[in-house]
C-alpha atoms as a PDB file:
ATOM      1  CA  MET A   1     -10.770  10.584  -5.362  1.00  0.00           C
ATOM      2  CA  ASP A   2      -8.262   9.255  -7.539  1.00  0.00           C
ATOM      3  CA  ILE A   3      -6.787   5.525  -6.539  1.00  0.00           C
ATOM      4  CA  LEU A   4      -3.310   6.795  -7.008  1.00  0.00           C
ATOM      5  CA  ILE A   5      -3.024  10.571  -4.709  1.00  0.00           C
ATOM      6  CA  TYR A   6      -5.174   8.188  -2.635  1.00  0.00           C
ATOM      7  CA  LEU A   7      -1.656   5.653  -1.946  1.00  0.00           C
ATOM      8  CA  ARG A   8       0.413   8.398  -2.126  1.00  0.00           C
ATOM      9  CA  GLU A   9      -1.135  10.107   0.979  1.00  0.00           C
ATOM     10  CA  GLY A  10      -0.602   7.778   2.774  1.00  0.00           C
ATOM     11  CA  ARG A  11       1.006   4.287   3.425  1.00  0.00           C
ATOM     12  CA  GLN A  12       0.159   0.624   1.954  1.00  0.00           C
ATOM     13  CA  ARG A  13      -3.207  -0.184   2.086  1.00  0.00           C
ATOM     14  CA  LEU A  14      -5.794  -2.718   1.025  1.00  0.00           C
ATOM     15  CA  ASP A  15      -8.200  -3.213  -1.461  1.00  0.00           C
ATOM     16  CA  ALA A  16     -10.692  -3.051   0.878  1.00  0.00           C
ATOM     17  CA  GLU A  17      -9.635   0.342   2.590  1.00  0.00           C
ATOM     18  CA  ILE A  18      -9.576   1.650  -0.977  1.00  0.00           C
ATOM     19  CA  VAL A  19     -13.074   1.272  -1.460  1.00  0.00           C
ATOM     20  CA  ALA A  20     -14.623   2.524   1.691  1.00  0.00           C
ATOM     21  CA  ALA A  21     -12.490   5.779   1.256  1.00  0.00           C
ATOM     22  CA  THR A  22     -13.031   6.057  -2.391  1.00  0.00           C
ATOM     23  CA  GLY A  23     -16.886   4.740  -2.914  1.00  0.00           C
ATOM     24  CA  ILE A  24     -15.141   3.461  -5.938  1.00  0.00           C
ATOM     25  CA  SER A  25     -16.365  -0.492  -6.200  1.00  0.00           C
ATOM     26  CA  LEU A  26     -14.246  -3.551  -5.773  1.00  0.00           C
ATOM     27  CA  ASP A  27     -14.393  -4.372  -9.169  1.00  0.00           C
ATOM     28  CA  ASP A  28     -13.350  -1.991 -10.106  1.00  0.00           C
ATOM     29  CA  VAL A  29     -10.766  -0.937  -7.542  1.00  0.00           C
ATOM     30  CA  ARG A  30      -9.111  -3.843  -8.484  1.00  0.00           C
ATOM     31  CA  ALA A  31      -8.999  -2.752 -11.536  1.00  0.00           C
ATOM     32  CA  ALA A  32      -7.800   0.359 -11.713  1.00  0.00           C
ATOM     33  CA  LEU A  33      -4.946  -1.683  -9.701  1.00  0.00           C
ATOM     34  CA  ALA A  34      -4.066  -4.100 -12.526  1.00  0.00           C
ATOM     35  CA  ILE A  35      -3.914  -1.318 -14.125  1.00  0.00           C
ATOM     36  CA  LEU A  36      -1.531   0.854 -11.701  1.00  0.00           C
ATOM     37  CA  SER A  37       1.114  -1.984 -11.096  1.00  0.00           C
ATOM     38  CA  ARG A  38       1.415  -2.725 -14.899  1.00  0.00           C
ATOM     39  CA  ARG A  39       2.321   0.681 -15.436  1.00  0.00           C
ATOM     40  CA  GLY A  40       5.270   0.901 -12.253  1.00  0.00           C
ATOM     41  CA  GLU A  41       3.576   2.421 -10.071  1.00  0.00           C
ATOM     42  CA  ILE A  42       2.420   0.952  -7.178  1.00  0.00           C
ATOM     43  CA  SER A  43       3.190  -2.237  -5.439  1.00  0.00           C
ATOM     44  CA  VAL A  44       0.597  -4.824  -5.184  1.00  0.00           C
ATOM     45  CA  CYS A  45       1.180  -7.926  -3.354  1.00  0.00           C
ATOM     46  CA  HIS A  46      -1.543 -10.208  -2.293  1.00  0.00           C
ATOM     47  CA  ALA A  47      -2.359 -10.526   1.929  1.00  0.00           C
ATOM     48  CA  MET A  48      -3.757 -11.804   4.606  1.00  0.00           C
ATOM     49  CA  ARG A  49      -4.678 -10.008   7.830  1.00  0.00           C
ATOM     50  CA  PHE A  50      -6.555 -11.247  11.435  1.00  0.00           C
ATOM     51  CA  THR A  51      -8.967  -8.735  13.150  1.00  0.00           C
ATOM     52  CA  ASP A  52     -10.322  -9.561  15.836  1.00  0.00           C
ATOM     53  CA  GLY A  53     -10.303 -13.455  15.350  1.00  0.00           C
ATOM     54  CA  THR A  54     -11.773 -12.697  11.443  1.00  0.00           C
ATOM     55  CA  LYS A  55      -9.812 -13.381   8.625  1.00  0.00           C
ATOM     56  CA  ILE A  56      -9.548 -11.008   5.424  1.00  0.00           C
ATOM     57  CA  GLU A  57      -7.634 -11.236   1.897  1.00  0.00           C
ATOM     58  CA  GLY A  58      -6.827  -9.325  -0.102  1.00  0.00           C
ATOM     59  CA  MET A  59      -4.548  -7.167  -2.144  1.00  0.00           C
ATOM     60  CA  LEU A  60      -2.469  -5.124  -0.255  1.00  0.00           C
ATOM     61  CA  CYS A  61      -0.862  -2.037  -2.465  1.00  0.00           C
ATOM     62  CA  ARG A  62       1.451   1.391  -2.255  1.00  0.00           C
ATOM     63  CA  ALA A  63       2.411   3.687  -4.582  1.00  0.00           C
ATOM     64  CA  ASN A  64       5.918   3.664  -5.990  1.00  0.00           C
ATOM     65  CA  GLY A  65       8.913   6.057  -5.692  1.00  0.00           C
ATOM     66  CA  LEU A  66       7.794   7.288  -2.036  1.00  0.00           C
ATOM     67  CA  GLU A  67      10.994   8.106   0.297  1.00  0.00           C
ATOM     68  CA  ARG A  68      10.856   6.296   3.083  1.00  0.00           C
ATOM     69  CA  LYS A  69      12.011   7.258   6.647  1.00  0.00           C
ATOM     70  CA  THR A  70      15.191   5.417   7.628  1.00  0.00           C
ATOM     71  CA  ALA A  71      15.659   3.899  11.076  1.00  0.00           C
ATOM     72  CA  VAL A  72      18.293   6.115  13.359  1.00  0.00           C
ATOM     73  CA  SER A  73      21.125   3.643  13.748  1.00  0.00           C
ATOM     74  CA  ARG A  74      23.742   4.519  16.616  1.00  0.00           C
ATOM     75  CA  ARG A  75      27.199   5.500  14.840  1.00  0.00           C
ATOM     76  CA  LYS A  76      29.991   2.779  14.873  1.00  0.00           C
ATOM     77  CA  LYS A  77      33.052   3.712  17.137  1.00  0.00           C
ATOM     78  CA  VAL A  78      35.711   4.860  15.178  1.00  0.00           C
ATOM     79  CA  LYS A  79      39.102   2.822  17.253  1.00  0.00           C
ATOM     80  CA  PRO A  80      42.443   4.651  16.385  1.00  0.00           C
END
């Protein structure tokens, strides 16, 4: 599975999640993410998560150009 296609299917993902889903090695995934980031196709930041008390560091990625669902807000009342 292509990394960019995988990122476009859902929300943001850690590089370790991409490795698990695609079966590509971590070094190859990170190299591909760097290329995609330079092209402007994805946004990447370094992230730290804690899962069951275990610290997990990695690259958090998401595809650019995806529409986000906006939250429904209350309408402001018009005063006469």
